[in-house]
Amino acid sequence: MEEVKNQEQGKQTIIINQQSPRSNGIGVAGFVLALIALFLGWVPVWGWLLWLLGLIFSFCGIFKTPRGLAVAGLIISLVDLIFLILLSLGILVVLSAL
């Protein structure tokens, strides 16, 4: 009804469809935890715990959009895994030499 009045008076009806930006909180959390685990991997228990949480959150974030930080967190988690395995093997070698 109002649109008809606006057209009769020479006014235009403007409809703005503004979409809110989407975010992936789980993917961001996985990325942050994986990044922290990369720097704190040498801490005995915390390194493994942060790595595991970062891996799980990044994996869950892959299934939501946007995926960018979730993929980055997953890749960093895999790099963390290699680092943690090499660190553990190094510690075992040093302890076995004693």
C-alpha atoms as a PDB file:
ATOM      1  CA  MET A   1       0.000   0.000   0.000  1.00  0.00           C
ATOM      2  CA  GLU A   2       2.761   2.425   0.941  1.00  0.00           C
ATOM      3  CA  GLU A   3       4.716   1.502  -2.175  1.00  0.00           C
ATOM      4  CA  VAL A   4       1.744   2.444  -4.331  1.00  0.00           C
ATOM      5  CA  LYS A   5       1.557   5.845  -2.592  1.00  0.00           C
ATOM      6  CA  ASN A   6       5.290   6.377  -3.139  1.00  0.00           C
ATOM      7  CA  GLN A   7       4.966   5.565  -6.830  1.00  0.00           C
ATOM      8  CA  GLU A   8       2.043   7.944  -7.197  1.00  0.00           C
ATOM      9  CA  GLN A   9       4.025  10.747  -5.567  1.00  0.00           C
ATOM     10  CA  GLY A  10       7.103  10.066  -7.755  1.00  0.00           C
ATOM     11  CA  LYS A  11       9.212   8.624  -4.920  1.00  0.00           C
ATOM     12  CA  GLN A  12      11.246   5.488  -5.205  1.00  0.00           C
ATOM     13  CA  THR A  13      11.267   2.635  -2.755  1.00  0.00           C
ATOM     14  CA  ILE A  14      14.783   1.478  -1.945  1.00  0.00           C
ATOM     15  CA  ILE A  15      15.275  -1.907  -0.371  1.00  0.00           C
ATOM     16  CA  ILE A  16      18.663  -2.501   1.203  1.00  0.00           C
ATOM     17  CA  ASN A  17      19.614  -6.120   1.766  1.00  0.00           C
ATOM     18  CA  GLN A  18      22.662  -5.922   3.970  1.00  0.00           C
ATOM     19  CA  GLN A  19      24.216  -9.219   4.946  1.00  0.00           C
ATOM     20  CA  SER A  20      26.149  -9.561   8.140  1.00  0.00           C
ATOM     21  CA  PRO A  21      29.733 -10.780   7.802  1.00  0.00           C
ATOM     22  CA  ARG A  22      30.100 -14.481   8.480  1.00  0.00           C
ATOM     23  CA  SER A  23      32.713 -15.816  10.841  1.00  0.00           C
ATOM     24  CA  ASN A  24      33.964 -19.234  11.831  1.00  0.00           C
ATOM     25  CA  GLY A  25      34.692 -19.095  15.558  1.00  0.00           C
ATOM     26  CA  ILE A  26      35.740 -22.732  15.837  1.00  0.00           C
ATOM     27  CA  GLY A  27      38.148 -22.385  12.920  1.00  0.00           C
ATOM     28  CA  VAL A  28      39.661 -19.240  14.437  1.00  0.00           C
ATOM     29  CA  ALA A  29      40.030 -20.988  17.816  1.00  0.00           C
ATOM     30  CA  GLY A  30      41.740 -23.946  16.133  1.00  0.00           C
ATOM     31  CA  PHE A  31      44.116 -21.620  14.304  1.00  0.00           C
ATOM     32  CA  VAL A  32      45.022 -19.724  17.480  1.00  0.00           C
ATOM     33  CA  LEU A  33      45.545 -22.916  19.511  1.00  0.00           C
ATOM     34  CA  ALA A  34      47.670 -24.471  16.770  1.00  0.00           C
ATOM     35  CA  LEU A  35      49.775 -21.316  16.567  1.00  0.00           C
ATOM     36  CA  ILE A  36      50.275 -21.229  20.337  1.00  0.00           C
ATOM     37  CA  ALA A  37      51.182 -24.935  20.296  1.00  0.00           C
ATOM     38  CA  LEU A  38      53.799 -24.196  17.644  1.00  0.00           C
ATOM     39  CA  PHE A  39      55.599 -21.870  20.044  1.00  0.00           C
ATOM     40  CA  LEU A  40      54.894 -23.786  23.269  1.00  0.00           C
ATOM     41  CA  GLY A  41      55.450 -27.291  21.883  1.00  0.00           C
ATOM     42  CA  TRP A  42      58.519 -27.784  24.035  1.00  0.00           C
ATOM     43  CA  VAL A  43      56.436 -27.571  27.248  1.00  0.00           C
ATOM     44  CA  PRO A  44      55.885 -31.245  28.197  1.00  0.00           C
ATOM     45  CA  VAL A  45      52.119 -31.545  28.689  1.00  0.00           C
ATOM     46  CA  TRP A  46      50.807 -28.222  27.376  1.00  0.00           C
ATOM     47  CA  GLY A  47      52.371 -28.649  23.946  1.00  0.00           C
ATOM     48  CA  TRP A  48      50.515 -31.884  23.261  1.00  0.00           C
ATOM     49  CA  LEU A  49      47.276 -30.614  24.795  1.00  0.00           C
ATOM     50  CA  LEU A  50      47.267 -27.382  22.788  1.00  0.00           C
ATOM     51  CA  TRP A  51      48.192 -29.295  19.633  1.00  0.00           C
ATOM     52  CA  LEU A  52      45.329 -31.748  20.107  1.00  0.00           C
ATOM     53  CA  LEU A  53      42.765 -29.013  20.783  1.00  0.00           C
ATOM     54  CA  GLY A  54      44.010 -26.995  17.812  1.00  0.00           C
ATOM     55  CA  LEU A  55      43.746 -30.037  15.569  1.00  0.00           C
ATOM     56  CA  ILE A  56      40.215 -30.879  16.728  1.00  0.00           C
ATOM     57  CA  PHE A  57      38.904 -27.313  16.469  1.00  0.00           C
ATOM     58  CA  SER A  58      40.528 -26.755  13.071  1.00  0.00           C
ATOM     59  CA  PHE A  59      39.074 -30.002  11.773  1.00  0.00           C
ATOM     60  CA  CYS A  60      35.603 -29.036  12.995  1.00  0.00           C
ATOM     61  CA  GLY A  61      36.005 -25.565  11.475  1.00  0.00           C
ATOM     62  CA  ILE A  62      36.663 -27.071   8.027  1.00  0.00           C
ATOM     63  CA  PHE A  63      32.954 -27.860   7.714  1.00  0.00           C
ATOM     64  CA  LYS A  64      31.844 -24.231   8.242  1.00  0.00           C
ATOM     65  CA  THR A  65      32.356 -21.163   6.094  1.00  0.00           C
ATOM     66  CA  PRO A  66      34.676 -19.271   5.799  1.00  0.00           C
ATOM     67  CA  ARG A  67      37.305 -21.987   5.911  1.00  0.00           C
ATOM     68  CA  GLY A  68      40.534 -19.972   5.575  1.00  0.00           C
ATOM     69  CA  LEU A  69      41.758 -19.932   9.163  1.00  0.00           C
ATOM     70  CA  ALA A  70      40.507 -23.478   9.789  1.00  0.00           C
ATOM     71  CA  VAL A  71      42.634 -24.785   6.903  1.00  0.00           C
ATOM     72  CA  ALA A  72      45.613 -22.768   8.127  1.00  0.00           C
ATOM     73  CA  GLY A  73      45.104 -24.146  11.646  1.00  0.00           C
ATOM     74  CA  LEU A  74      44.967 -27.690  10.290  1.00  0.00           C
ATOM     75  CA  ILE A  75      48.219 -27.213   8.357  1.00  0.00           C
ATOM     76  CA  ILE A  76      49.923 -25.658  11.383  1.00  0.00           C
ATOM     77  CA  SER A  77      48.672 -28.562  13.516  1.00  0.00           C
ATOM     78  CA  LEU A  78      50.286 -31.039  11.137  1.00  0.00           C
ATOM     79  CA  VAL A  79      53.554 -29.078  11.279  1.00  0.00           C
ATOM     80  CA  ASP A  80      53.212 -29.096  15.086  1.00  0.00           C
ATOM     81  CA  LEU A  81      52.810 -32.868  15.027  1.00  0.00           C
ATOM     82  CA  ILE A  82      56.058 -33.297  13.108  1.00  0.00           C
ATOM     83  CA  PHE A  83      57.810 -30.932  15.517  1.00  0.00           C
ATOM     84  CA  LEU A  84      56.445 -32.743  18.591  1.00  0.00           C
ATOM     85  CA  ILE A  85      57.436 -36.165  17.249  1.00  0.00           C
ATOM     86  CA  LEU A  86      60.973 -34.966  16.483  1.00  0.00           C
ATOM     87  CA  LEU A  87      61.206 -33.358  19.910  1.00  0.00           C
ATOM     88  CA  SER A  88      60.045 -36.546  21.625  1.00  0.00           C
ATOM     89  CA  LEU A  89      62.472 -38.676  19.632  1.00  0.00           C
ATOM     90  CA  GLY A  90      65.295 -36.291  20.487  1.00  0.00           C
ATOM     91  CA  ILE A  91      64.490 -36.522  24.182  1.00  0.00           C
ATOM     92  CA  LEU A  92      64.351 -40.333  23.978  1.00  0.00           C
ATOM     93  CA  VAL A  93      67.738 -40.454  22.240  1.00  0.00           C
ATOM     94  CA  VAL A  94      69.313 -38.210  24.881  1.00  0.00           C
ATOM     95  CA  LEU A  95      67.785 -40.220  27.724  1.00  0.00           C
ATOM     96  CA  SER A  96      68.858 -43.543  26.214  1.00  0.00           C
ATOM     97  CA  ALA A  97      72.464 -42.284  25.900  1.00  0.00           C
ATOM     98  CA  LEU A  98      72.620 -41.696  29.637  1.00  0.00           C
END
